[in-house]
Amino acid sequence: MAILAIELNVLEATGVTVTEDTLSVDLQDGRTISVPLAWFPRLEHATPAERANWRLIGQGMGIHWEGIDEDISVEGLFAGRPSGESQASFKKWLQSRAKAG
């Protein structure tokens, strides 16, 4: 069985773009990873302003959205892993937003 080895230093993000249906992350080596926004329900339900309010964490190894309490690792995107949040946790988050809004 072959194992794919990935040099983690090439997985450092330099920029992020979130559209209505896509999360795109620019990497330091010039590539861009794009995944469906549906993979990350909190981002999918966020306002455009919340989506735009991101910052790189861990020297570009991840992205954090403060307003929606979402963290996404570049390694996870590269591996094709969608959000691991449970439905119960997500529903609780949605309910808290409804009460606040």
PDB file of N, CA and C in Angstrom:
ATOM      1  N   MET A   1       0.840  -1.171   0.000  1.00  0.00           N
ATOM      2  CA  MET A   1       0.000   0.000   0.000  1.00  0.00           C
ATOM      3  C   MET A   1       0.890   1.241   0.000  1.00  0.00           C
ATOM      4  N   ALA A   2       0.614   2.162  -0.898  1.00  0.00           N
ATOM      5  CA  ALA A   2       1.370   3.407  -0.982  1.00  0.00           C
ATOM      6  C   ALA A   2       0.755   4.440  -0.051  1.00  0.00           C
ATOM      7  N   ILE A   3       1.599   5.240   0.535  1.00  0.00           N
ATOM      8  CA  ILE A   3       1.139   6.305   1.425  1.00  0.00           C
ATOM      9  C   ILE A   3       1.605   7.626   0.843  1.00  0.00           C
ATOM     10  N   LEU A   4       0.684   8.560   0.720  1.00  0.00           N
ATOM     11  CA  LEU A   4       1.001   9.880   0.204  1.00  0.00           C
ATOM     12  C   LEU A   4       1.602  10.725   1.317  1.00  0.00           C
ATOM     13  N   ALA A   5       2.811  11.189   1.105  1.00  0.00           N
ATOM     14  CA  ALA A   5       3.462  12.063   2.085  1.00  0.00           C
ATOM     15  C   ALA A   5       3.330  13.500   1.585  1.00  0.00           C
ATOM     16  N   ILE A   6       2.868  14.371   2.448  1.00  0.00           N
ATOM     17  CA  ILE A   6       2.675  15.771   2.096  1.00  0.00           C
ATOM     18  C   ILE A   6       3.600  16.612   2.960  1.00  0.00           C
ATOM     19  N   GLU A   7       4.379  17.455   2.323  1.00  0.00           N
ATOM     20  CA  GLU A   7       5.197  18.378   3.091  1.00  0.00           C
ATOM     21  C   GLU A   7       4.281  19.459   3.638  1.00  0.00           C
ATOM     22  N   LEU A   8       4.223  19.552   4.959  1.00  0.00           N
ATOM     23  CA  LEU A   8       3.282  20.481   5.578  1.00  0.00           C
ATOM     24  C   LEU A   8       3.605  21.936   5.281  1.00  0.00           C
ATOM     25  N   ASN A   9       4.875  22.247   5.005  1.00  0.00           N
ATOM     26  CA  ASN A   9       5.194  23.649   4.750  1.00  0.00           C
ATOM     27  C   ASN A   9       4.567  24.162   3.458  1.00  0.00           C
ATOM     28  N   VAL A  10       4.207  23.275   2.520  1.00  0.00           N
ATOM     29  CA  VAL A  10       3.548  23.740   1.301  1.00  0.00           C
ATOM     30  C   VAL A  10       2.055  23.947   1.523  1.00  0.00           C
ATOM     31  N   LEU A  11       1.567  23.563   2.683  1.00  0.00           N
ATOM     32  CA  LEU A  11       0.144  23.710   2.974  1.00  0.00           C
ATOM     33  C   LEU A  11      -0.162  24.968   3.781  1.00  0.00           C
ATOM     34  N   GLU A  12       0.688  25.950   3.692  1.00  0.00           N
ATOM     35  CA  GLU A  12       0.440  27.193   4.418  1.00  0.00           C
ATOM     36  C   GLU A  12      -0.411  28.129   3.571  1.00  0.00           C
ATOM     37  N   ALA A  13      -1.512  28.586   4.161  1.00  0.00           N
ATOM     38  CA  ALA A  13      -2.425  29.495   3.470  1.00  0.00           C
ATOM     39  C   ALA A  13      -1.861  30.904   3.450  1.00  0.00           C
ATOM     40  N   THR A  14      -2.179  31.610   2.376  1.00  0.00           N
ATOM     41  CA  THR A  14      -1.806  33.022   2.277  1.00  0.00           C
ATOM     42  C   THR A  14      -3.024  33.910   2.083  1.00  0.00           C
ATOM     43  N   GLY A  15      -4.149  33.320   1.695  1.00  0.00           N
ATOM     44  CA  GLY A  15      -5.359  34.103   1.472  1.00  0.00           C
ATOM     45  C   GLY A  15      -6.585  33.223   1.432  1.00  0.00           C
ATOM     46  N   VAL A  16      -7.743  33.841   1.648  1.00  0.00           N
ATOM     47  CA  VAL A  16      -9.009  33.111   1.698  1.00  0.00           C
ATOM     48  C   VAL A  16     -10.072  33.920   0.966  1.00  0.00           C
ATOM     49  N   THR A  17     -10.894  33.221   0.189  1.00  0.00           N
ATOM     50  CA  THR A  17     -12.042  33.831  -0.469  1.00  0.00           C
ATOM     51  C   THR A  17     -13.255  32.949  -0.207  1.00  0.00           C
ATOM     52  N   VAL A  18     -14.335  33.567   0.249  1.00  0.00           N
ATOM     53  CA  VAL A  18     -15.570  32.826   0.482  1.00  0.00           C
ATOM     54  C   VAL A  18     -16.663  33.464  -0.371  1.00  0.00           C
ATOM     55  N   THR A  19     -17.256  32.644  -1.253  1.00  0.00           N
ATOM     56  CA  THR A  19     -18.375  33.117  -2.072  1.00  0.00           C
ATOM     57  C   THR A  19     -19.650  32.489  -1.534  1.00  0.00           C
ATOM     58  N   GLU A  20     -20.738  32.637  -2.248  1.00  0.00           N
ATOM     59  CA  GLU A  20     -22.014  32.062  -1.820  1.00  0.00           C
ATOM     60  C   GLU A  20     -21.986  30.540  -1.781  1.00  0.00           C
ATOM     61  N   ASP A  21     -21.085  29.922  -2.562  1.00  0.00           N
ATOM     62  CA  ASP A  21     -21.079  28.463  -2.623  1.00  0.00           C
ATOM     63  C   ASP A  21     -19.707  27.803  -2.552  1.00  0.00           C
ATOM     64  N   THR A  22     -18.633  28.594  -2.393  1.00  0.00           N
ATOM     65  CA  THR A  22     -17.289  28.029  -2.429  1.00  0.00           C
ATOM     66  C   THR A  22     -16.369  28.678  -1.398  1.00  0.00           C
ATOM     67  N   LEU A  23     -15.523  27.841  -0.788  1.00  0.00           N
ATOM     68  CA  LEU A  23     -14.419  28.312   0.043  1.00  0.00           C
ATOM     69  C   LEU A  23     -13.146  28.044  -0.739  1.00  0.00           C
ATOM     70  N   SER A  24     -12.377  29.086  -1.018  1.00  0.00           N
ATOM     71  CA  SER A  24     -11.114  28.950  -1.746  1.00  0.00           C
ATOM     72  C   SER A  24      -9.987  29.460  -0.873  1.00  0.00           C
ATOM     73  N   VAL A  25      -8.921  28.672  -0.804  1.00  0.00           N
ATOM     74  CA  VAL A  25      -7.766  29.027   0.015  1.00  0.00           C
ATOM     75  C   VAL A  25      -6.529  29.036  -0.871  1.00  0.00           C
ATOM     76  N   ASP A  26      -5.845  30.179  -0.905  1.00  0.00           N
ATOM     77  CA  ASP A  26      -4.600  30.310  -1.653  1.00  0.00           C
ATOM     78  C   ASP A  26      -3.456  29.786  -0.799  1.00  0.00           C
ATOM     79  N   LEU A  27      -2.589  28.973  -1.412  1.00  0.00           N
ATOM     80  CA  LEU A  27      -1.451  28.394  -0.708  1.00  0.00           C
ATOM     81  C   LEU A  27      -0.159  29.119  -1.075  1.00  0.00           C
ATOM     82  N   GLN A  28       0.816  28.992  -0.195  1.00  0.00           N
ATOM     83  CA  GLN A  28       2.079  29.690  -0.383  1.00  0.00           C
ATOM     84  C   GLN A  28       2.803  29.237  -1.650  1.00  0.00           C
ATOM     85  N   ASP A  29       2.541  28.020  -2.124  1.00  0.00           N
ATOM     86  CA  ASP A  29       3.226  27.530  -3.327  1.00  0.00           C
ATOM     87  C   ASP A  29       2.521  27.932  -4.619  1.00  0.00           C
ATOM     88  N   GLY A  30       1.462  28.751  -4.515  1.00  0.00           N
ATOM     89  CA  GLY A  30       0.786  29.247  -5.702  1.00  0.00           C
ATOM     90  C   GLY A  30      -0.497  28.524  -6.055  1.00  0.00           C
ATOM     91  N   ARG A  31      -0.767  27.380  -5.442  1.00  0.00           N
ATOM     92  CA  ARG A  31      -2.005  26.656  -5.714  1.00  0.00           C
ATOM     93  C   ARG A  31      -3.160  27.274  -4.938  1.00  0.00           C
ATOM     94  N   THR A  32      -4.362  26.958  -5.380  1.00  0.00           N
ATOM     95  CA  THR A  32      -5.586  27.341  -4.677  1.00  0.00           C
ATOM     96  C   THR A  32      -6.441  26.099  -4.507  1.00  0.00           C
ATOM     97  N   ILE A  33      -6.898  25.868  -3.280  1.00  0.00           N
ATOM     98  CA  ILE A  33      -7.808  24.763  -2.985  1.00  0.00           C
ATOM     99  C   ILE A  33      -9.210  25.356  -2.895  1.00  0.00           C
ATOM    100  N   SER A  34     -10.160  24.767  -3.612  1.00  0.00           N
ATOM    101  CA  SER A  34     -11.554  25.209  -3.538  1.00  0.00           C
ATOM    102  C   SER A  34     -12.428  24.024  -3.163  1.00  0.00           C
ATOM    103  N   VAL A  35     -13.315  24.258  -2.199  1.00  0.00           N
ATOM    104  CA  VAL A  35     -14.230  23.215  -1.745  1.00  0.00           C
ATOM    105  C   VAL A  35     -15.631  23.817  -1.649  1.00  0.00           C
ATOM    106  N   PRO A  36     -16.653  22.964  -1.703  1.00  0.00           N
ATOM    107  CA  PRO A  36     -18.024  23.471  -1.566  1.00  0.00           C
ATOM    108  C   PRO A  36     -18.256  24.075  -0.178  1.00  0.00           C
ATOM    109  N   LEU A  37     -18.911  25.207  -0.146  1.00  0.00           N
ATOM    110  CA  LEU A  37     -19.218  25.844   1.129  1.00  0.00           C
ATOM    111  C   LEU A  37     -20.113  24.953   1.983  1.00  0.00           C
ATOM    112  N   ALA A  38     -20.891  24.093   1.344  1.00  0.00           N
ATOM    113  CA  ALA A  38     -21.778  23.171   2.060  1.00  0.00           C
ATOM    114  C   ALA A  38     -21.007  22.242   2.990  1.00  0.00           C
ATOM    115  N   TRP A  39     -19.705  22.076   2.772  1.00  0.00           N
ATOM    116  CA  TRP A  39     -18.884  21.264   3.675  1.00  0.00           C
ATOM    117  C   TRP A  39     -18.786  21.884   5.056  1.00  0.00           C
ATOM    118  N   PHE A  40     -19.039  23.184   5.154  1.00  0.00           N
ATOM    119  CA  PHE A  40     -18.882  23.909   6.420  1.00  0.00           C
ATOM    120  C   PHE A  40     -20.156  24.704   6.704  1.00  0.00           C
ATOM    121  N   PRO A  41     -21.127  24.051   7.351  1.00  0.00           N
ATOM    122  CA  PRO A  41     -22.442  24.666   7.555  1.00  0.00           C
ATOM    123  C   PRO A  41     -22.402  26.028   8.259  1.00  0.00           C
ATOM    124  N   ARG A  42     -21.486  26.218   9.192  1.00  0.00           N
ATOM    125  CA  ARG A  42     -21.436  27.533   9.851  1.00  0.00           C
ATOM    126  C   ARG A  42     -21.087  28.624   8.847  1.00  0.00           C
ATOM    127  N   LEU A  43     -20.136  28.349   7.964  1.00  0.00           N
ATOM    128  CA  LEU A  43     -19.800  29.332   6.931  1.00  0.00           C
ATOM    129  C   LEU A  43     -20.957  29.508   5.957  1.00  0.00           C
ATOM    130  N   GLU A  44     -21.620  28.420   5.632  1.00  0.00           N
ATOM    131  CA  GLU A  44     -22.743  28.479   4.705  1.00  0.00           C
ATOM    132  C   GLU A  44     -23.868  29.359   5.259  1.00  0.00           C
ATOM    133  N   HIS A  45     -24.070  29.340   6.575  1.00  0.00           N
ATOM    134  CA  HIS A  45     -25.134  30.120   7.205  1.00  0.00           C
ATOM    135  C   HIS A  45     -24.668  31.489   7.704  1.00  0.00           C
ATOM    136  N   ALA A  46     -23.403  31.791   7.522  1.00  0.00           N
ATOM    137  CA  ALA A  46     -22.861  33.074   7.971  1.00  0.00           C
ATOM    138  C   ALA A  46     -23.256  34.195   7.015  1.00  0.00           C
ATOM    139  N   THR A  47     -23.233  35.399   7.530  1.00  0.00           N
ATOM    140  CA  THR A  47     -23.477  36.568   6.693  1.00  0.00           C
ATOM    141  C   THR A  47     -22.215  36.844   5.860  1.00  0.00           C
ATOM    142  N   PRO A  48     -22.349  37.599   4.783  1.00  0.00           N
ATOM    143  CA  PRO A  48     -21.157  37.962   4.008  1.00  0.00           C
ATOM    144  C   PRO A  48     -20.089  38.652   4.867  1.00  0.00           C
ATOM    145  N   ALA A  49     -20.514  39.498   5.791  1.00  0.00           N
ATOM    146  CA  ALA A  49     -19.551  40.182   6.666  1.00  0.00           C
ATOM    147  C   ALA A  49     -18.825  39.180   7.570  1.00  0.00           C
ATOM    148  N   GLU A  50     -19.552  38.199   8.100  1.00  0.00           N
ATOM    149  CA  GLU A  50     -18.929  37.173   8.943  1.00  0.00           C
ATOM    150  C   GLU A  50     -17.961  36.320   8.137  1.00  0.00           C
ATOM    151  N   ARG A  51     -18.337  35.993   6.907  1.00  0.00           N
ATOM    152  CA  ARG A  51     -17.449  35.203   6.041  1.00  0.00           C
ATOM    153  C   ARG A  51     -16.163  35.948   5.725  1.00  0.00           C
ATOM    154  N   ALA A  52     -16.253  37.247   5.592  1.00  0.00           N
ATOM    155  CA  ALA A  52     -15.087  38.061   5.244  1.00  0.00           C
ATOM    156  C   ALA A  52     -14.178  38.320   6.442  1.00  0.00           C
ATOM    157  N   ASN A  53     -14.650  38.056   7.649  1.00  0.00           N
ATOM    158  CA  ASN A  53     -13.890  38.336   8.871  1.00  0.00           C
ATOM    159  C   ASN A  53     -13.114  37.091   9.307  1.00  0.00           C
ATOM    160  N   TRP A  54     -12.074  36.749   8.579  1.00  0.00           N
ATOM    161  CA  TRP A  54     -11.244  35.585   8.871  1.00  0.00           C
ATOM    162  C   TRP A  54      -9.819  36.053   9.182  1.00  0.00           C
ATOM    163  N   ARG A  55      -9.063  35.151   9.802  1.00  0.00           N
ATOM    164  CA  ARG A  55      -7.633  35.401  10.002  1.00  0.00           C
ATOM    165  C   ARG A  55      -6.912  34.063   9.939  1.00  0.00           C
ATOM    166  N   LEU A  56      -5.679  34.122   9.482  1.00  0.00           N
ATOM    167  CA  LEU A  56      -4.853  32.916   9.435  1.00  0.00           C
ATOM    168  C   LEU A  56      -4.335  32.621  10.828  1.00  0.00           C
ATOM    169  N   ILE A  57      -4.284  31.345  11.177  1.00  0.00           N
ATOM    170  CA  ILE A  57      -3.760  30.922  12.473  1.00  0.00           C
ATOM    171  C   ILE A  57      -2.675  29.873  12.247  1.00  0.00           C
ATOM    172  N   GLY A  58      -1.815  29.698  13.243  1.00  0.00           N
ATOM    173  CA  GLY A  58      -0.767  28.683  13.158  1.00  0.00           C
ATOM    174  C   GLY A  58       0.163  28.896  11.981  1.00  0.00           C
ATOM    175  N   GLN A  59       0.551  30.129  11.736  1.00  0.00           N
ATOM    176  CA  GLN A  59       1.446  30.471  10.626  1.00  0.00           C
ATOM    177  C   GLN A  59       0.895  29.989   9.278  1.00  0.00           C
ATOM    178  N   GLY A  60      -0.409  30.129   9.103  1.00  0.00           N
ATOM    179  CA  GLY A  60      -1.043  29.775   7.847  1.00  0.00           C
ATOM    180  C   GLY A  60      -1.516  28.336   7.764  1.00  0.00           C
ATOM    181  N   MET A  61      -1.427  27.606   8.860  1.00  0.00           N
ATOM    182  CA  MET A  61      -1.855  26.205   8.852  1.00  0.00           C
ATOM    183  C   MET A  61      -3.370  26.065   9.007  1.00  0.00           C
ATOM    184  N   GLY A  62      -4.038  27.156   9.365  1.00  0.00           N
ATOM    185  CA  GLY A  62      -5.486  27.119   9.536  1.00  0.00           C
ATOM    186  C   GLY A  62      -6.100  28.490   9.363  1.00  0.00           C
ATOM    187  N   ILE A  63      -7.429  28.508   9.325  1.00  0.00           N
ATOM    188  CA  ILE A  63      -8.196  29.744   9.190  1.00  0.00           C
ATOM    189  C   ILE A  63      -9.216  29.785  10.316  1.00  0.00           C
ATOM    190  N   HIS A  64      -9.381  30.964  10.905  1.00  0.00           N
ATOM    191  CA  HIS A  64     -10.329  31.139  12.018  1.00  0.00           C
ATOM    192  C   HIS A  64     -11.304  32.257  11.677  1.00  0.00           C
ATOM    193  N   TRP A  65     -12.584  31.988  11.936  1.00  0.00           N
ATOM    194  CA  TRP A  65     -13.646  32.988  11.805  1.00  0.00           C
ATOM    195  C   TRP A  65     -14.191  33.244  13.203  1.00  0.00           C
ATOM    196  N   GLU A  66     -13.836  34.365  13.781  1.00  0.00           N
ATOM    197  CA  GLU A  66     -14.197  34.704  15.157  1.00  0.00           C
ATOM    198  C   GLU A  66     -15.710  34.766  15.364  1.00  0.00           C
ATOM    199  N   GLY A  67     -16.419  35.452  14.485  1.00  0.00           N
ATOM    200  CA  GLY A  67     -17.847  35.691  14.673  1.00  0.00           C
ATOM    201  C   GLY A  67     -18.724  34.453  14.631  1.00  0.00           C
ATOM    202  N   ILE A  68     -18.221  33.383  14.006  1.00  0.00           N
ATOM    203  CA  ILE A  68     -19.022  32.159  13.919  1.00  0.00           C
ATOM    204  C   ILE A  68     -18.333  30.986  14.609  1.00  0.00           C
ATOM    205  N   ASP A  69     -17.214  31.259  15.271  1.00  0.00           N
ATOM    206  CA  ASP A  69     -16.462  30.245  16.013  1.00  0.00           C
ATOM    207  C   ASP A  69     -16.139  29.030  15.135  1.00  0.00           C
ATOM    208  N   GLU A  70     -15.535  29.298  13.978  1.00  0.00           N
ATOM    209  CA  GLU A  70     -15.176  28.238  13.032  1.00  0.00           C
ATOM    210  C   GLU A  70     -13.673  28.239  12.806  1.00  0.00           C
ATOM    211  N   ASP A  71     -13.082  27.058  12.860  1.00  0.00           N
ATOM    212  CA  ASP A  71     -11.671  26.858  12.552  1.00  0.00           C
ATOM    213  C   ASP A  71     -11.565  25.759  11.509  1.00  0.00           C
ATOM    214  N   ILE A  72     -10.786  26.014  10.464  1.00  0.00           N
ATOM    215  CA  ILE A  72     -10.593  25.034   9.400  1.00  0.00           C
ATOM    216  C   ILE A  72      -9.107  24.900   9.142  1.00  0.00           C
ATOM    217  N   SER A  73      -8.628  23.661   9.132  1.00  0.00           N
ATOM    218  CA  SER A  73      -7.207  23.435   8.861  1.00  0.00           C
ATOM    219  C   SER A  73      -6.980  23.298   7.362  1.00  0.00           C
ATOM    220  N   VAL A  74      -5.858  23.817   6.902  1.00  0.00           N
ATOM    221  CA  VAL A  74      -5.494  23.688   5.500  1.00  0.00           C
ATOM    222  C   VAL A  74      -5.240  22.220   5.172  1.00  0.00           C
ATOM    223  N   GLU A  75      -4.638  21.510   6.087  1.00  0.00           N
ATOM    224  CA  GLU A  75      -4.389  20.078   5.882  1.00  0.00           C
ATOM    225  C   GLU A  75      -5.708  19.319   5.668  1.00  0.00           C
ATOM    226  N   GLY A  76      -6.730  19.660   6.455  1.00  0.00           N
ATOM    227  CA  GLY A  76      -8.035  19.029   6.300  1.00  0.00           C
ATOM    228  C   GLY A  76      -8.662  19.325   4.950  1.00  0.00           C
ATOM    229  N   LEU A  77      -8.532  20.569   4.489  1.00  0.00           N
ATOM    230  CA  LEU A  77      -9.039  20.919   3.162  1.00  0.00           C
ATOM    231  C   LEU A  77      -8.321  20.105   2.090  1.00  0.00           C
ATOM    232  N   PHE A  78      -7.002  20.046   2.213  1.00  0.00           N
ATOM    233  CA  PHE A  78      -6.192  19.322   1.240  1.00  0.00           C
ATOM    234  C   PHE A  78      -6.567  17.844   1.207  1.00  0.00           C
ATOM    235  N   ALA A  79      -6.910  17.289   2.372  1.00  0.00           N
ATOM    236  CA  ALA A  79      -7.289  15.878   2.463  1.00  0.00           C
ATOM    237  C   ALA A  79      -8.748  15.640   2.067  1.00  0.00           C
ATOM    238  N   GLY A  80      -9.508  16.710   1.834  1.00  0.00           N
ATOM    239  CA  GLY A  80     -10.904  16.562   1.426  1.00  0.00           C
ATOM    240  C   GLY A  80     -11.845  16.270   2.571  1.00  0.00           C
ATOM    241  N   ARG A  81     -11.509  16.755   3.779  1.00  0.00           N
ATOM    242  CA  ARG A  81     -12.354  16.503   4.953  1.00  0.00           C
ATOM    243  C   ARG A  81     -13.312  17.669   5.194  1.00  0.00           C
ATOM    244  N   PRO A  82     -14.606  17.419   5.122  1.00  0.00           N
ATOM    245  CA  PRO A  82     -15.576  18.458   5.478  1.00  0.00           C
ATOM    246  C   PRO A  82     -15.649  18.635   6.997  1.00  0.00           C
ATOM    247  N   SER A  83     -16.475  19.551   7.434  1.00  0.00           N
ATOM    248  CA  SER A  83     -16.647  19.810   8.865  1.00  0.00           C
ATOM    249  C   SER A  83     -16.984  18.523   9.613  1.00  0.00           C
ATOM    250  N   GLY A  84     -16.402  18.379  10.792  1.00  0.00           N
ATOM    251  CA  GLY A  84     -16.697  17.223  11.629  1.00  0.00           C
ATOM    252  C   GLY A  84     -17.695  17.541  12.725  1.00  0.00           C
ATOM    253  N   GLU A  85     -18.296  18.726  12.670  1.00  0.00           N
ATOM    254  CA  GLU A  85     -19.249  19.127  13.703  1.00  0.00           C
ATOM    255  C   GLU A  85     -20.500  18.261  13.654  1.00  0.00           C
ATOM    256  N   SER A  86     -20.966  17.839  14.805  1.00  0.00           N
ATOM    257  CA  SER A  86     -22.173  17.015  14.866  1.00  0.00           C
ATOM    258  C   SER A  86     -23.408  17.847  14.516  1.00  0.00           C
ATOM    259  N   GLN A  87     -24.448  17.166  14.080  1.00  0.00           N
ATOM    260  CA  GLN A  87     -25.711  17.843  13.779  1.00  0.00           C
ATOM    261  C   GLN A  87     -26.284  18.507  15.015  1.00  0.00           C
ATOM    262  N   ALA A  88     -26.147  17.861  16.164  1.00  0.00           N
ATOM    263  CA  ALA A  88     -26.673  18.435  17.412  1.00  0.00           C
ATOM    264  C   ALA A  88     -25.967  19.741  17.746  1.00  0.00           C
ATOM    265  N   SER A  89     -24.645  19.754  17.605  1.00  0.00           N
ATOM    266  CA  SER A  89     -23.877  20.969  17.881  1.00  0.00           C
ATOM    267  C   SER A  89     -24.251  22.076  16.903  1.00  0.00           C
ATOM    268  N   PHE A  90     -24.377  21.734  15.634  1.00  0.00           N
ATOM    269  CA  PHE A  90     -24.727  22.734  14.628  1.00  0.00           C
ATOM    270  C   PHE A  90     -26.127  23.310  14.880  1.00  0.00           C
ATOM    271  N   LYS A  91     -27.080  22.455  15.209  1.00  0.00           N
ATOM    272  CA  LYS A  91     -28.439  22.930  15.498  1.00  0.00           C
ATOM    273  C   LYS A  91     -28.455  23.862  16.706  1.00  0.00           C
ATOM    274  N   LYS A  92     -27.666  23.530  17.716  1.00  0.00           N
ATOM    275  CA  LYS A  92     -27.570  24.385  18.903  1.00  0.00           C
ATOM    276  C   LYS A  92     -26.999  25.746  18.515  1.00  0.00           C
ATOM    277  N   TRP A  93     -25.993  25.745  17.653  1.00  0.00           N
ATOM    278  CA  TRP A  93     -25.388  26.988  17.188  1.00  0.00           C
ATOM    279  C   TRP A  93     -26.412  27.813  16.414  1.00  0.00           C
ATOM    280  N   LEU A  94     -27.156  27.162  15.510  1.00  0.00           N
ATOM    281  CA  LEU A  94     -28.185  27.875  14.742  1.00  0.00           C
ATOM    282  C   LEU A  94     -29.239  28.494  15.654  1.00  0.00           C
ATOM    283  N   GLN A  95     -29.655  27.742  16.669  1.00  0.00           N
ATOM    284  CA  GLN A  95     -30.650  28.263  17.610  1.00  0.00           C
ATOM    285  C   GLN A  95     -30.114  29.461  18.371  1.00  0.00           C
ATOM    286  N   SER A  96     -28.848  29.432  18.749  1.00  0.00           N
ATOM    287  CA  SER A  96     -28.257  30.572  19.477  1.00  0.00           C
ATOM    288  C   SER A  96     -28.213  31.808  18.585  1.00  0.00           C
ATOM    289  N   ARG A  97     -28.004  31.629  17.288  1.00  0.00           N
ATOM    290  CA  ARG A  97     -27.997  32.752  16.349  1.00  0.00           C
ATOM    291  C   ARG A  97     -29.393  33.332  16.180  1.00  0.00           C
ATOM    292  N   ALA A  98     -30.384  32.459  16.148  1.00  0.00           N
ATOM    293  CA  ALA A  98     -31.770  32.909  15.993  1.00  0.00           C
ATOM    294  C   ALA A  98     -32.194  33.757  17.183  1.00  0.00           C
ATOM    295  N   LYS A  99     -31.775  33.327  18.390  1.00  0.00           N
ATOM    296  CA  LYS A  99     -32.118  34.071  19.615  1.00  0.00           C
ATOM    297  C   LYS A  99     -31.408  35.423  19.651  1.00  0.00           C
ATOM    298  N   ALA A 100     -30.149  35.448  19.172  1.00  0.00           N
ATOM    299  CA  ALA A 100     -29.361  36.690  19.203  1.00  0.00           C
ATOM    300  C   ALA A 100     -29.835  37.685  18.144  1.00  0.00           C
ATOM    301  N   GLY A 101     -30.392  37.172  17.063  1.00  0.00           N
ATOM    302  CA  GLY A 101     -30.763  38.041  15.934  1.00  0.00           C
ATOM    303  C   GLY A 101     -32.152  38.487  16.016  1.00  0.00           C
TER     304      GLY A 101
END
